[in-house]
Amino acid sequence: MKPKPSARNVTGDFDKFTNFARQILSVPHSEIKAELDAEKAAKRTPKSASRVSGARSSRT
């Protein structure tokens, strides 16, 4: 008897993974750094404002 072919196309799956990895690695570091810095700045601003308003409301 001949063995049954596998249910997956193993080569196709590996090619998909390889293409996905190339897309991830093709993003320049400067773009990632700029996005992370912007995210940090956005997170930092609301926290300080909420602390100030929270402190005032708890005293009244």
N, C-alpha and C. Protein backbone atom coordinates (compact mmCIF):
# COMPACT_ATOMS: atom_id res chain seq x y z
N MET A 1 0.83 -1.19 0.00
CA MET A 1 0.00 0.00 0.00
C MET A 1 0.87 1.25 0.00
N LYS A 2 0.40 2.24 -0.68
CA LYS A 2 1.11 3.51 -0.70
C LYS A 2 0.66 4.35 0.49
N PRO A 3 1.58 5.11 1.08
CA PRO A 3 1.16 5.98 2.20
C PRO A 3 0.27 7.11 1.69
N LYS A 4 -0.67 7.48 2.54
CA LYS A 4 -1.57 8.56 2.18
C LYS A 4 -0.80 9.89 2.20
N PRO A 5 -1.13 10.78 1.29
CA PRO A 5 -0.50 12.10 1.35
C PRO A 5 -0.98 12.85 2.60
N SER A 6 -0.13 13.70 3.13
CA SER A 6 -0.50 14.41 4.35
C SER A 6 -1.65 15.37 4.07
N ALA A 7 -2.38 15.70 5.11
CA ALA A 7 -3.54 16.58 4.98
C ALA A 7 -3.10 18.01 4.69
N ARG A 8 -1.90 18.35 5.12
CA ARG A 8 -1.40 19.70 4.93
C ARG A 8 -0.42 19.75 3.77
N ASN A 9 -0.32 20.91 3.23
CA ASN A 9 0.73 21.17 2.26
C ASN A 9 1.86 21.80 3.06
N VAL A 10 2.77 20.97 3.54
CA VAL A 10 3.82 21.40 4.46
C VAL A 10 4.67 22.49 3.83
N THR A 11 5.02 22.34 2.57
CA THR A 11 5.84 23.35 1.91
C THR A 11 5.09 24.67 1.84
N GLY A 12 3.81 24.63 1.55
CA GLY A 12 3.00 25.84 1.48
C GLY A 12 2.92 26.55 2.83
N ASP A 13 2.78 25.79 3.90
CA ASP A 13 2.72 26.37 5.24
C ASP A 13 4.04 27.04 5.58
N PHE A 14 5.14 26.40 5.22
CA PHE A 14 6.44 26.99 5.52
C PHE A 14 6.65 28.26 4.71
N ASP A 15 6.21 28.26 3.47
CA ASP A 15 6.34 29.45 2.63
C ASP A 15 5.51 30.60 3.21
N LYS A 16 4.33 30.31 3.70
CA LYS A 16 3.49 31.35 4.32
C LYS A 16 4.20 31.93 5.53
N PHE A 17 4.76 31.06 6.35
CA PHE A 17 5.47 31.52 7.54
C PHE A 17 6.68 32.37 7.16
N THR A 18 7.43 31.92 6.16
CA THR A 18 8.61 32.65 5.73
C THR A 18 8.23 34.04 5.22
N ASN A 19 7.18 34.12 4.42
CA ASN A 19 6.73 35.42 3.92
C ASN A 19 6.27 36.33 5.06
N PHE A 20 5.58 35.76 6.03
CA PHE A 20 5.12 36.53 7.18
C PHE A 20 6.32 37.08 7.97
N ALA A 21 7.31 36.24 8.20
CA ALA A 21 8.51 36.67 8.92
C ALA A 21 9.24 37.77 8.16
N ARG A 22 9.31 37.67 6.85
CA ARG A 22 9.96 38.71 6.05
C ARG A 22 9.22 40.04 6.18
N GLN A 23 7.90 39.99 6.21
CA GLN A 23 7.12 41.22 6.35
C GLN A 23 7.39 41.89 7.69
N ILE A 24 7.47 41.09 8.73
CA ILE A 24 7.74 41.64 10.06
C ILE A 24 9.13 42.26 10.11
N LEU A 25 10.11 41.56 9.59
CA LEU A 25 11.48 42.03 9.66
C LEU A 25 11.78 43.17 8.70
N SER A 26 10.87 43.42 7.75
CA SER A 26 11.12 44.48 6.79
C SER A 26 10.74 45.86 7.32
N VAL A 27 10.09 45.93 8.49
CA VAL A 27 9.71 47.22 9.07
C VAL A 27 10.97 47.86 9.67
N PRO A 28 11.28 49.10 9.26
CA PRO A 28 12.48 49.75 9.78
C PRO A 28 12.37 50.04 11.28
N HIS A 29 13.49 49.97 11.96
CA HIS A 29 13.54 50.21 13.40
C HIS A 29 13.04 51.60 13.74
N SER A 30 13.33 52.57 12.90
CA SER A 30 12.93 53.95 13.18
C SER A 30 11.41 54.09 13.25
N GLU A 31 10.68 53.35 12.40
CA GLU A 31 9.21 53.40 12.44
C GLU A 31 8.69 52.81 13.75
N ILE A 32 9.25 51.70 14.14
CA ILE A 32 8.82 51.05 15.38
C ILE A 32 9.12 51.95 16.58
N LYS A 33 10.31 52.53 16.60
CA LYS A 33 10.73 53.40 17.70
C LYS A 33 9.82 54.62 17.80
N ALA A 34 9.50 55.23 16.66
CA ALA A 34 8.63 56.41 16.66
C ALA A 34 7.24 56.07 17.19
N GLU A 35 6.72 54.92 16.78
CA GLU A 35 5.39 54.52 17.24
C GLU A 35 5.38 54.23 18.74
N LEU A 36 6.42 53.57 19.24
CA LEU A 36 6.50 53.28 20.67
C LEU A 36 6.63 54.56 21.48
N ASP A 37 7.44 55.51 21.00
CA ASP A 37 7.60 56.78 21.71
C ASP A 37 6.28 57.55 21.76
N ALA A 38 5.55 57.55 20.66
CA ALA A 38 4.25 58.23 20.63
C ALA A 38 3.27 57.57 21.59
N GLU A 39 3.31 56.25 21.65
CA GLU A 39 2.42 55.52 22.55
C GLU A 39 2.75 55.82 24.01
N LYS A 40 4.04 55.89 24.33
CA LYS A 40 4.46 56.21 25.70
C LYS A 40 4.00 57.61 26.08
N ALA A 41 4.16 58.56 25.17
CA ALA A 41 3.76 59.94 25.45
C ALA A 41 2.25 60.04 25.66
N ALA A 42 1.49 59.31 24.87
CA ALA A 42 0.04 59.34 25.01
C ALA A 42 -0.40 58.71 26.34
N LYS A 43 0.28 57.69 26.77
CA LYS A 43 -0.07 57.04 28.04
C LYS A 43 0.33 57.91 29.23
N ARG A 44 1.42 58.62 29.11
CA ARG A 44 1.94 59.42 30.22
C ARG A 44 1.03 60.61 30.52
N THR A 45 0.51 61.26 29.53
CA THR A 45 -0.28 62.48 29.71
C THR A 45 -1.57 62.26 30.50
N PRO A 46 -2.44 61.32 30.13
CA PRO A 46 -3.70 61.16 30.87
C PRO A 46 -3.52 60.74 32.32
N LYS A 47 -2.48 59.98 32.63
CA LYS A 47 -2.29 59.52 34.01
C LYS A 47 -2.03 60.70 34.93
N SER A 48 -1.18 61.62 34.52
CA SER A 48 -0.87 62.75 35.38
C SER A 48 -2.11 63.63 35.57
N ALA A 49 -2.92 63.80 34.53
CA ALA A 49 -4.13 64.60 34.64
C ALA A 49 -5.15 63.93 35.56
N SER A 50 -5.28 62.63 35.48
CA SER A 50 -6.26 61.94 36.32
C SER A 50 -5.83 61.93 37.78
N ARG A 51 -4.55 61.91 38.04
CA ARG A 51 -4.07 61.96 39.44
C ARG A 51 -4.43 63.29 40.07
N VAL A 52 -4.22 64.36 39.33
CA VAL A 52 -4.51 65.69 39.86
C VAL A 52 -6.00 65.83 40.13
N SER A 53 -6.83 65.46 39.18
CA SER A 53 -8.27 65.59 39.37
C SER A 53 -8.78 64.64 40.46
N GLY A 54 -8.17 63.47 40.55
CA GLY A 54 -8.57 62.50 41.59
C GLY A 54 -8.24 62.99 42.96
N ALA A 55 -7.12 63.65 43.12
CA ALA A 55 -6.71 64.17 44.42
C ALA A 55 -7.66 65.28 44.88
N ARG A 56 -8.09 66.11 43.97
CA ARG A 56 -8.99 67.21 44.33
C ARG A 56 -10.36 66.68 44.72
N SER A 57 -10.86 65.70 43.97
CA SER A 57 -12.21 65.21 44.26
C SER A 57 -12.28 64.41 45.55
N SER A 58 -11.17 63.80 45.98
CA SER A 58 -11.20 62.99 47.19
C SER A 58 -11.17 63.88 48.45
N ARG A 59 -10.68 65.10 48.31
CA ARG A 59 -10.62 65.99 49.47
C ARG A 59 -11.95 66.69 49.72
N THR A 60 -12.79 66.75 48.74
CA THR A 60 -14.04 67.48 48.93
C THR A 60 -15.15 66.65 49.46
